[in-house]
Amino acid sequence: MKTMQAELSNPKHSEYGVATIPFPIPDEEYDHVLELLEPLEIGDYVERDCQVDRLIGVPPILHRLEQTLVNLDELDFLIQRLDSFDYYEMEQFQALAYAKGVSNVLELINLTFNCQQVTVVGNFADLDAAGKQHYLTIHGGSASVEEYNRVDGRQESLNLLCNQEGKVTPYGVLYENALKMEQFYDGRNFPLYAYKPPVLEVTLSSNAGQELELLLPMPETRLERMLCRAGMDTAHVNLVSYESQLPDELDAAIDFETDDLMLCRNEPTAR
């Protein structure tokens, strides 16, 4: 995991100073981060009230977020996503963001789920490698060893160059491959995404019929903020279903049907 940093401030009160926050925010530091932001009167669970004064150690394309307003948890989710990318995925993301002129967190989050559809060529000197990478891209990112070895990379590259118009970006030449953009993030509830291997996948419901899927464990404060983002009353939330990665013996010893969510808020332990 690469630690990045953001210097955040209150756009209405620059005299309050700046807080330097690590991203992705480690679970054990989440409450401390909120404590750092509290004197600045920023860090709301849903409002974009944090001004990004400076970003440190981030992918170059993210610098366009500087001097804009972000929500703490949205920025954390975006950087979690990017932290899991390999080198080529990062090229795809940055090239597509540049080509589309994307410069806000909501669109950037959605881009992380769509960018794998595009091809980026950074080295036209090796047409075989570029063609094989393009083949993998348009076939969902994977192929068997035998299938991959059968690919005529040079011919794939020539087909790409002859049939698509590329757009030059600082991250390579972008080919969109009939890109179909989908909205995965609605600005409120984050898409289900495992930055770390989860212990539990739970579906929660409110008395008003709202449902929310979460991967656990997570800090209690973060859980409460996720429920608030979903518009759910933390005092009236029920466990609808769960999938557990716990050993069978421990899973059987825990009553996940309990009405309160204390087991979900912290690392599950046997009673």
C-alpha atoms as a PDB file:
ATOM      1  CA  MET A   1       0.000   0.000   0.000  1.00  0.00           C
ATOM      2  CA  LYS A   2       1.340   3.394  -1.010  1.00  0.00           C
ATOM      3  CA  THR A   3       0.516   6.146   1.468  1.00  0.00           C
ATOM      4  CA  MET A   4      -0.558   9.412  -0.097  1.00  0.00           C
ATOM      5  CA  GLN A   5      -1.363  12.641   1.696  1.00  0.00           C
ATOM      6  CA  ALA A   6      -3.773  15.513   1.340  1.00  0.00           C
ATOM      7  CA  GLU A   7      -3.539  18.913   2.980  1.00  0.00           C
ATOM      8  CA  LEU A   8      -7.133  19.870   3.775  1.00  0.00           C
ATOM      9  CA  SER A   9      -8.564  23.157   5.014  1.00  0.00           C
ATOM     10  CA  ASN A  10     -11.858  24.942   5.583  1.00  0.00           C
ATOM     11  CA  PRO A  11     -12.563  27.131   2.519  1.00  0.00           C
ATOM     12  CA  LYS A  12     -14.596  29.527   4.664  1.00  0.00           C
ATOM     13  CA  HIS A  13     -12.017  29.840   7.434  1.00  0.00           C
ATOM     14  CA  SER A  14      -8.457  29.686   6.173  1.00  0.00           C
ATOM     15  CA  GLU A  15      -7.344  30.997   9.567  1.00  0.00           C
ATOM     16  CA  TYR A  16      -8.216  27.620  11.102  1.00  0.00           C
ATOM     17  CA  GLY A  17      -5.139  26.138   9.466  1.00  0.00           C
ATOM     18  CA  VAL A  18      -4.475  22.927   7.555  1.00  0.00           C
ATOM     19  CA  ALA A  19      -4.685  19.242   8.454  1.00  0.00           C
ATOM     20  CA  THR A  20      -2.436  16.743   6.672  1.00  0.00           C
ATOM     21  CA  ILE A  21      -4.316  13.466   6.240  1.00  0.00           C
ATOM     22  CA  PRO A  22      -2.895  10.104   5.064  1.00  0.00           C
ATOM     23  CA  PHE A  23      -4.747   8.261   2.299  1.00  0.00           C
ATOM     24  CA  PRO A  24      -5.950   5.586   2.161  1.00  0.00           C
ATOM     25  CA  ILE A  25      -6.939   6.228   5.771  1.00  0.00           C
ATOM     26  CA  PRO A  26      -5.862   3.249   7.924  1.00  0.00           C
ATOM     27  CA  ASP A  27      -8.735   1.821   9.980  1.00  0.00           C
ATOM     28  CA  GLU A  28      -6.826   2.376  13.199  1.00  0.00           C
ATOM     29  CA  GLU A  29      -6.372   6.075  12.351  1.00  0.00           C
ATOM     30  CA  TYR A  30      -9.883   6.843  11.129  1.00  0.00           C
ATOM     31  CA  ASP A  31     -11.150   8.329  14.407  1.00  0.00           C
ATOM     32  CA  HIS A  32      -7.934  10.309  14.814  1.00  0.00           C
ATOM     33  CA  VAL A  33      -8.384  11.798  11.334  1.00  0.00           C
ATOM     34  CA  LEU A  34     -11.858  12.990  12.281  1.00  0.00           C
ATOM     35  CA  GLU A  35     -10.400  14.513  15.444  1.00  0.00           C
ATOM     36  CA  LEU A  36      -7.842  16.416  13.335  1.00  0.00           C
ATOM     37  CA  LEU A  37     -10.584  17.815  11.110  1.00  0.00           C
ATOM     38  CA  GLU A  38     -12.973  18.737  13.924  1.00  0.00           C
ATOM     39  CA  PRO A  39     -11.208  22.013  14.920  1.00  0.00           C
ATOM     40  CA  LEU A  40     -11.293  23.011  11.253  1.00  0.00           C
ATOM     41  CA  GLU A  41     -15.075  22.372  11.217  1.00  0.00           C
ATOM     42  CA  ILE A  42     -14.809  20.079   8.186  1.00  0.00           C
ATOM     43  CA  GLY A  43     -15.114  16.345   7.565  1.00  0.00           C
ATOM     44  CA  ASP A  44     -18.897  16.034   7.236  1.00  0.00           C
ATOM     45  CA  TYR A  45     -20.188  12.538   6.492  1.00  0.00           C
ATOM     46  CA  VAL A  46     -21.713  13.594   3.154  1.00  0.00           C
ATOM     47  CA  GLU A  47     -20.984  17.271   2.359  1.00  0.00           C
ATOM     48  CA  ARG A  48     -17.985  18.209   0.231  1.00  0.00           C
ATOM     49  CA  ASP A  49     -16.601  20.650   2.767  1.00  0.00           C
ATOM     50  CA  CYS A  50     -12.849  19.920   2.620  1.00  0.00           C
ATOM     51  CA  GLN A  51     -10.717  22.129   0.417  1.00  0.00           C
ATOM     52  CA  VAL A  52      -7.759  20.282  -1.072  1.00  0.00           C
ATOM     53  CA  ASP A  53      -4.829  22.661  -0.709  1.00  0.00           C
ATOM     54  CA  ARG A  54      -2.201  20.155  -1.818  1.00  0.00           C
ATOM     55  CA  LEU A  55      -1.895  16.475  -2.701  1.00  0.00           C
ATOM     56  CA  ILE A  56       1.328  14.599  -2.052  1.00  0.00           C
ATOM     57  CA  GLY A  57       2.440  11.316  -3.619  1.00  0.00           C
ATOM     58  CA  VAL A  58      -0.711  10.893  -5.712  1.00  0.00           C
ATOM     59  CA  PRO A  59      -1.038   9.916  -9.393  1.00  0.00           C
ATOM     60  CA  PRO A  60      -0.448  13.073 -11.477  1.00  0.00           C
ATOM     61  CA  ILE A  61      -4.039  13.300 -12.760  1.00  0.00           C
ATOM     62  CA  LEU A  62      -5.333  13.778  -9.205  1.00  0.00           C
ATOM     63  CA  HIS A  63      -3.589  17.124  -8.885  1.00  0.00           C
ATOM     64  CA  ARG A  64      -6.550  18.595 -10.737  1.00  0.00           C
ATOM     65  CA  LEU A  65      -8.459  18.102  -7.459  1.00  0.00           C
ATOM     66  CA  GLU A  66      -6.272  20.712  -5.780  1.00  0.00           C
ATOM     67  CA  GLN A  67      -8.155  23.884  -4.851  1.00  0.00           C
ATOM     68  CA  THR A  68     -11.471  22.033  -5.151  1.00  0.00           C
ATOM     69  CA  LEU A  69     -13.905  20.817  -2.493  1.00  0.00           C
ATOM     70  CA  VAL A  70     -14.113  17.125  -1.653  1.00  0.00           C
ATOM     71  CA  ASN A  71     -15.835  14.862   0.837  1.00  0.00           C
ATOM     72  CA  LEU A  72     -13.425  13.012   3.129  1.00  0.00           C
ATOM     73  CA  ASP A  73     -14.876   9.542   2.547  1.00  0.00           C
ATOM     74  CA  GLU A  74     -15.236  10.038  -1.200  1.00  0.00           C
ATOM     75  CA  LEU A  75     -11.569  11.000  -1.500  1.00  0.00           C
ATOM     76  CA  ASP A  76     -10.605   8.012   0.650  1.00  0.00           C
ATOM     77  CA  PHE A  77     -12.665   5.623  -1.500  1.00  0.00           C
ATOM     78  CA  LEU A  78     -11.146   7.023  -4.706  1.00  0.00           C
ATOM     79  CA  ILE A  79      -7.591   6.628  -3.428  1.00  0.00           C
ATOM     80  CA  GLN A  80      -8.341   3.105  -2.172  1.00  0.00           C
ATOM     81  CA  ARG A  81      -9.461   2.225  -5.681  1.00  0.00           C
ATOM     82  CA  LEU A  82      -6.358   3.714  -7.296  1.00  0.00           C
ATOM     83  CA  ASP A  83      -4.053   2.135  -4.734  1.00  0.00           C
ATOM     84  CA  SER A  84      -5.202  -1.298  -5.925  1.00  0.00           C
ATOM     85  CA  PHE A  85      -4.489  -0.558  -9.611  1.00  0.00           C
ATOM     86  CA  ASP A  86      -1.556  -2.050 -11.477  1.00  0.00           C
ATOM     87  CA  TYR A  87       0.614   0.064 -13.784  1.00  0.00           C
ATOM     88  CA  TYR A  88      -1.533  -0.440 -16.881  1.00  0.00           C
ATOM     89  CA  GLU A  89      -4.809   0.210 -15.072  1.00  0.00           C
ATOM     90  CA  MET A  90      -3.332   3.483 -13.825  1.00  0.00           C
ATOM     91  CA  GLU A  91      -2.427   4.411 -17.410  1.00  0.00           C
ATOM     92  CA  GLN A  92      -5.983   3.603 -18.516  1.00  0.00           C
ATOM     93  CA  PHE A  93      -7.492   5.663 -15.702  1.00  0.00           C
ATOM     94  CA  GLN A  94      -5.285   8.701 -16.175  1.00  0.00           C
ATOM     95  CA  ALA A  95      -5.527   8.733 -19.965  1.00  0.00           C
ATOM     96  CA  LEU A  96      -9.313   8.445 -19.881  1.00  0.00           C
ATOM     97  CA  ALA A  97      -9.683  11.103 -17.177  1.00  0.00           C
ATOM     98  CA  TYR A  98      -7.497  13.437 -19.243  1.00  0.00           C
ATOM     99  CA  ALA A  99      -9.425  12.759 -22.451  1.00  0.00           C
ATOM    100  CA  LYS A 100     -12.809  13.233 -20.779  1.00  0.00           C
ATOM    101  CA  GLY A 101     -11.717  16.278 -18.793  1.00  0.00           C
ATOM    102  CA  VAL A 102     -12.899  14.691 -15.547  1.00  0.00           C
ATOM    103  CA  SER A 103     -12.008  16.796 -12.533  1.00  0.00           C
ATOM    104  CA  ASN A 104     -14.355  15.945  -9.657  1.00  0.00           C
ATOM    105  CA  VAL A 105     -14.335  13.070  -7.205  1.00  0.00           C
ATOM    106  CA  LEU A 106     -17.722  11.622  -8.154  1.00  0.00           C
ATOM    107  CA  GLU A 107     -16.796  11.247 -11.830  1.00  0.00           C
ATOM    108  CA  LEU A 108     -13.309  10.020 -10.977  1.00  0.00           C
ATOM    109  CA  ILE A 109     -14.762   7.263  -8.773  1.00  0.00           C
ATOM    110  CA  ASN A 110     -17.033   6.151 -11.603  1.00  0.00           C
ATOM    111  CA  LEU A 111     -14.077   6.271 -13.985  1.00  0.00           C
ATOM    112  CA  THR A 112     -12.197   3.723 -11.851  1.00  0.00           C
ATOM    113  CA  PHE A 113     -14.921   1.185 -12.672  1.00  0.00           C
ATOM    114  CA  ASN A 114     -15.034   2.000 -16.403  1.00  0.00           C
ATOM    115  CA  CYS A 115     -11.450   2.674 -17.455  1.00  0.00           C
ATOM    116  CA  GLN A 116     -10.559  -1.002 -17.898  1.00  0.00           C
ATOM    117  CA  GLN A 117     -12.477  -0.948 -21.203  1.00  0.00           C
ATOM    118  CA  VAL A 118     -10.010   1.345 -22.983  1.00  0.00           C
ATOM    119  CA  THR A 119      -6.659   0.644 -24.594  1.00  0.00           C
ATOM    120  CA  VAL A 120      -3.640   2.856 -23.970  1.00  0.00           C
ATOM    121  CA  VAL A 121      -0.533   2.494 -26.135  1.00  0.00           C
ATOM    122  CA  GLY A 122       2.584   4.063 -24.719  1.00  0.00           C
ATOM    123  CA  ASN A 123       5.178   2.371 -26.919  1.00  0.00           C
ATOM    124  CA  PHE A 124       4.576   1.942 -30.656  1.00  0.00           C
ATOM    125  CA  ALA A 125       8.051   0.454 -31.072  1.00  0.00           C
ATOM    126  CA  ASP A 126       6.758  -2.898 -29.773  1.00  0.00           C
ATOM    127  CA  LEU A 127       3.606  -3.574 -31.771  1.00  0.00           C
ATOM    128  CA  ASP A 128       3.446  -7.196 -30.609  1.00  0.00           C
ATOM    129  CA  ALA A 129       3.243  -6.249 -26.917  1.00  0.00           C
ATOM    130  CA  ALA A 130       0.814  -3.396 -27.609  1.00  0.00           C
ATOM    131  CA  GLY A 131      -1.437  -5.682 -29.655  1.00  0.00           C
ATOM    132  CA  LYS A 132      -1.488  -8.405 -27.032  1.00  0.00           C
ATOM    133  CA  GLN A 133      -2.340  -5.865 -24.340  1.00  0.00           C
ATOM    134  CA  HIS A 134      -5.166  -4.566 -26.532  1.00  0.00           C
ATOM    135  CA  TYR A 135      -6.423  -8.129 -27.020  1.00  0.00           C
ATOM    136  CA  LEU A 136      -6.513  -8.676 -23.256  1.00  0.00           C
ATOM    137  CA  THR A 137      -8.296  -5.354 -22.747  1.00  0.00           C
ATOM    138  CA  ILE A 138     -11.134  -6.087 -25.150  1.00  0.00           C
ATOM    139  CA  HIS A 139     -11.510  -9.612 -23.743  1.00  0.00           C
ATOM    140  CA  GLY A 140     -12.102  -8.619 -20.148  1.00  0.00           C
ATOM    141  CA  GLY A 141      -8.475  -8.364 -19.066  1.00  0.00           C
ATOM    142  CA  SER A 142      -7.559 -12.044 -19.084  1.00  0.00           C
ATOM    143  CA  ALA A 143      -6.882 -15.034 -21.335  1.00  0.00           C
ATOM    144  CA  SER A 144      -5.490 -18.514 -20.937  1.00  0.00           C
ATOM    145  CA  VAL A 145      -1.778 -18.978 -21.591  1.00  0.00           C
ATOM    146  CA  GLU A 146      -2.521 -20.928 -24.779  1.00  0.00           C
ATOM    147  CA  GLU A 147      -4.935 -18.284 -26.041  1.00  0.00           C
ATOM    148  CA  TYR A 148      -2.500 -15.483 -25.241  1.00  0.00           C
ATOM    149  CA  ASN A 149       0.362 -17.228 -27.056  1.00  0.00           C
ATOM    150  CA  ARG A 150      -1.804 -17.633 -30.170  1.00  0.00           C
ATOM    151  CA  VAL A 151      -2.489 -13.901 -30.403  1.00  0.00           C
ATOM    152  CA  ASP A 152      -0.764 -12.145 -33.303  1.00  0.00           C
ATOM    153  CA  GLY A 153       0.058  -8.960 -31.414  1.00  0.00           C
ATOM    154  CA  ARG A 154       1.380  -7.096 -34.421  1.00  0.00           C
ATOM    155  CA  GLN A 155      -1.776  -7.770 -36.401  1.00  0.00           C
ATOM    156  CA  GLU A 156      -3.953  -6.729 -33.429  1.00  0.00           C
ATOM    157  CA  SER A 157      -2.022  -3.464 -33.258  1.00  0.00           C
ATOM    158  CA  LEU A 158      -2.433  -2.829 -36.978  1.00  0.00           C
ATOM    159  CA  ASN A 159      -6.170  -3.508 -36.747  1.00  0.00           C
ATOM    160  CA  LEU A 160      -6.392  -1.071 -33.833  1.00  0.00           C
ATOM    161  CA  LEU A 161      -4.454   1.666 -35.621  1.00  0.00           C
ATOM    162  CA  CYS A 162      -6.431   1.270 -38.853  1.00  0.00           C
ATOM    163  CA  ASN A 163      -9.918   1.049 -37.322  1.00  0.00           C
ATOM    164  CA  GLN A 164      -9.849   3.456 -34.376  1.00  0.00           C
ATOM    165  CA  GLU A 165      -8.874   7.060 -33.958  1.00  0.00           C
ATOM    166  CA  GLY A 166      -6.553   7.493 -31.032  1.00  0.00           C
ATOM    167  CA  LYS A 167      -6.329  10.495 -28.764  1.00  0.00           C
ATOM    168  CA  VAL A 168      -2.900  11.599 -27.614  1.00  0.00           C
ATOM    169  CA  THR A 169      -2.644  12.112 -23.841  1.00  0.00           C
ATOM    170  CA  PRO A 170       0.329  12.574 -21.500  1.00  0.00           C
ATOM    171  CA  TYR A 171      -0.201   8.932 -20.475  1.00  0.00           C
ATOM    172  CA  GLY A 172      -0.185   7.361 -23.942  1.00  0.00           C
ATOM    173  CA  VAL A 173      -2.462   7.212 -26.967  1.00  0.00           C
ATOM    174  CA  LEU A 174      -6.002   6.383 -25.899  1.00  0.00           C
ATOM    175  CA  TYR A 175      -8.383   4.149 -27.878  1.00  0.00           C
ATOM    176  CA  GLU A 176     -11.878   3.989 -26.408  1.00  0.00           C
ATOM    177  CA  ASN A 177     -12.983   0.618 -27.892  1.00  0.00           C
ATOM    178  CA  ALA A 178     -16.700   1.584 -28.042  1.00  0.00           C
ATOM    179  CA  LEU A 179     -16.530   2.546 -24.368  1.00  0.00           C
ATOM    180  CA  LYS A 180     -19.844   2.350 -22.537  1.00  0.00           C
ATOM    181  CA  MET A 181     -19.705   4.472 -19.396  1.00  0.00           C
ATOM    182  CA  GLU A 182     -21.816   3.208 -16.496  1.00  0.00           C
ATOM    183  CA  GLN A 183     -22.649   4.990 -13.252  1.00  0.00           C
ATOM    184  CA  PHE A 184     -21.491   2.825 -10.372  1.00  0.00           C
ATOM    185  CA  TYR A 185     -21.429   5.578  -7.747  1.00  0.00           C
ATOM    186  CA  ASP A 186     -24.516   7.727  -7.225  1.00  0.00           C
ATOM    187  CA  GLY A 187     -22.876  10.334  -5.020  1.00  0.00           C
ATOM    188  CA  ARG A 188     -24.198   8.793  -1.825  1.00  0.00           C
ATOM    189  CA  ASN A 189     -23.707   5.031  -1.472  1.00  0.00           C
ATOM    190  CA  PHE A 190     -20.334   3.618  -2.432  1.00  0.00           C
ATOM    191  CA  PRO A 191     -20.200   0.583  -4.749  1.00  0.00           C
ATOM    192  CA  LEU A 192     -19.363  -2.648  -2.972  1.00  0.00           C
ATOM    193  CA  TYR A 193     -15.589  -2.918  -3.201  1.00  0.00           C
ATOM    194  CA  ALA A 194     -13.092  -4.926  -1.143  1.00  0.00           C
ATOM    195  CA  TYR A 195      -9.943  -2.876  -0.585  1.00  0.00           C
ATOM    196  CA  LYS A 196      -8.926  -5.496   1.996  1.00  0.00           C
ATOM    197  CA  PRO A 197     -10.191  -9.077   2.269  1.00  0.00           C
ATOM    198  CA  PRO A 198     -13.482  -8.796   4.181  1.00  0.00           C
ATOM    199  CA  VAL A 199     -14.594 -11.009   7.039  1.00  0.00           C
ATOM    200  CA  LEU A 200     -18.292 -10.374   6.453  1.00  0.00           C
ATOM    201  CA  GLU A 201     -20.476  -9.124   3.625  1.00  0.00           C
ATOM    202  CA  VAL A 202     -23.725  -7.888   5.140  1.00  0.00           C
ATOM    203  CA  THR A 203     -26.966  -6.422   3.889  1.00  0.00           C
ATOM    204  CA  LEU A 204     -28.615  -4.016   6.313  1.00  0.00           C
ATOM    205  CA  SER A 205     -32.097  -2.553   6.164  1.00  0.00           C
ATOM    206  CA  SER A 206     -33.895   0.315   7.844  1.00  0.00           C
ATOM    207  CA  ASN A 207     -37.453   0.414   9.090  1.00  0.00           C
ATOM    208  CA  ALA A 208     -38.199   2.606   6.068  1.00  0.00           C
ATOM    209  CA  GLY A 209     -37.199  -0.201   3.698  1.00  0.00           C
ATOM    210  CA  GLN A 210     -33.785   1.109   2.633  1.00  0.00           C
ATOM    211  CA  GLU A 211     -31.020  -1.437   2.122  1.00  0.00           C
ATOM    212  CA  LEU A 212     -27.256  -1.094   2.244  1.00  0.00           C
ATOM    213  CA  GLU A 213     -24.509  -3.619   1.477  1.00  0.00           C
ATOM    214  CA  LEU A 214     -21.261  -3.345   3.425  1.00  0.00           C
ATOM    215  CA  LEU A 215     -17.995  -5.235   3.794  1.00  0.00           C
ATOM    216  CA  LEU A 216     -16.864  -5.666   7.388  1.00  0.00           C
ATOM    217  CA  PRO A 217     -15.120  -5.160   9.718  1.00  0.00           C
ATOM    218  CA  MET A 218     -14.701  -1.396   9.655  1.00  0.00           C
ATOM    219  CA  PRO A 219     -14.283   1.213  12.381  1.00  0.00           C
ATOM    220  CA  GLU A 220     -17.510   1.871  14.262  1.00  0.00           C
ATOM    221  CA  THR A 221     -17.393   5.558  13.366  1.00  0.00           C
ATOM    222  CA  ARG A 222     -16.984   4.784   9.666  1.00  0.00           C
ATOM    223  CA  LEU A 223     -19.922   2.350   9.817  1.00  0.00           C
ATOM    224  CA  GLU A 224     -22.114   4.995  11.417  1.00  0.00           C
ATOM    225  CA  ARG A 225     -21.099   7.509   8.732  1.00  0.00           C
ATOM    226  CA  MET A 226     -21.878   5.029   5.954  1.00  0.00           C
ATOM    227  CA  LEU A 227     -25.341   4.496   7.451  1.00  0.00           C
ATOM    228  CA  CYS A 228     -25.867   8.254   7.647  1.00  0.00           C
ATOM    229  CA  ARG A 229     -24.777   8.625   4.011  1.00  0.00           C
ATOM    230  CA  ALA A 230     -27.480   6.122   3.106  1.00  0.00           C
ATOM    231  CA  GLY A 231     -30.044   8.111   5.090  1.00  0.00           C
ATOM    232  CA  MET A 232     -30.508   5.276   7.555  1.00  0.00           C
ATOM    233  CA  ASP A 233     -31.245   5.765  11.258  1.00  0.00           C
ATOM    234  CA  THR A 234     -28.391   4.057  13.097  1.00  0.00           C
ATOM    235  CA  ALA A 235     -30.738   3.207  15.970  1.00  0.00           C
ATOM    236  CA  HIS A 236     -33.145   1.294  13.716  1.00  0.00           C
ATOM    237  CA  VAL A 237     -31.051  -0.869  11.431  1.00  0.00           C
ATOM    238  CA  ASN A 238     -31.586  -4.589  10.947  1.00  0.00           C
ATOM    239  CA  LEU A 239     -29.355  -7.323   9.586  1.00  0.00           C
ATOM    240  CA  VAL A 240     -31.024  -8.805   6.489  1.00  0.00           C
ATOM    241  CA  SER A 241     -28.354 -11.272   5.386  1.00  0.00           C
ATOM    242  CA  TYR A 242     -24.652 -11.954   5.639  1.00  0.00           C
ATOM    243  CA  GLU A 243     -21.888 -14.015   4.091  1.00  0.00           C
ATOM    244  CA  SER A 244     -19.054 -14.948   6.411  1.00  0.00           C
ATOM    245  CA  GLN A 245     -15.416 -15.796   5.724  1.00  0.00           C
ATOM    246  CA  LEU A 246     -14.908 -16.886   9.324  1.00  0.00           C
ATOM    247  CA  PRO A 247     -13.937 -20.473  10.166  1.00  0.00           C
ATOM    248  CA  ASP A 248     -17.048 -22.635  10.575  1.00  0.00           C
ATOM    249  CA  GLU A 249     -16.484 -23.097  14.306  1.00  0.00           C
ATOM    250  CA  LEU A 250     -16.294 -19.358  14.966  1.00  0.00           C
ATOM    251  CA  ASP A 251     -19.131 -18.583  12.584  1.00  0.00           C
ATOM    252  CA  ALA A 252     -21.386 -21.001  14.453  1.00  0.00           C
ATOM    253  CA  ALA A 253     -20.468 -19.449  17.808  1.00  0.00           C
ATOM    254  CA  ILE A 254     -21.542 -15.914  16.829  1.00  0.00           C
ATOM    255  CA  ASP A 255     -25.149 -14.780  16.781  1.00  0.00           C
ATOM    256  CA  PHE A 256     -25.250 -12.554  13.700  1.00  0.00           C
ATOM    257  CA  GLU A 257     -29.018 -12.267  13.990  1.00  0.00           C
ATOM    258  CA  THR A 258     -28.678  -9.911  16.955  1.00  0.00           C
ATOM    259  CA  ASP A 259     -30.686  -6.717  16.680  1.00  0.00           C
ATOM    260  CA  ASP A 260     -27.734  -4.470  17.477  1.00  0.00           C
ATOM    261  CA  LEU A 261     -24.773  -4.095  15.163  1.00  0.00           C
ATOM    262  CA  MET A 262     -21.876  -4.105  17.608  1.00  0.00           C
ATOM    263  CA  LEU A 263     -20.559  -7.314  16.091  1.00  0.00           C
ATOM    264  CA  CYS A 264     -20.590  -5.710  12.668  1.00  0.00           C
ATOM    265  CA  ARG A 265     -18.873  -2.545  13.796  1.00  0.00           C
ATOM    266  CA  ASN A 266     -15.741  -4.237  15.062  1.00  0.00           C
ATOM    267  CA  GLU A 267     -13.720  -7.352  14.343  1.00  0.00           C
ATOM    268  CA  PRO A 268     -16.116 -10.218  15.166  1.00  0.00           C
ATOM    269  CA  THR A 269     -15.227 -12.218  18.260  1.00  0.00           C
ATOM    270  CA  ALA A 270     -16.845 -15.281  19.716  1.00  0.00           C
ATOM    271  CA  ARG A 271     -19.193 -14.835  22.654  1.00  0.00           C
END
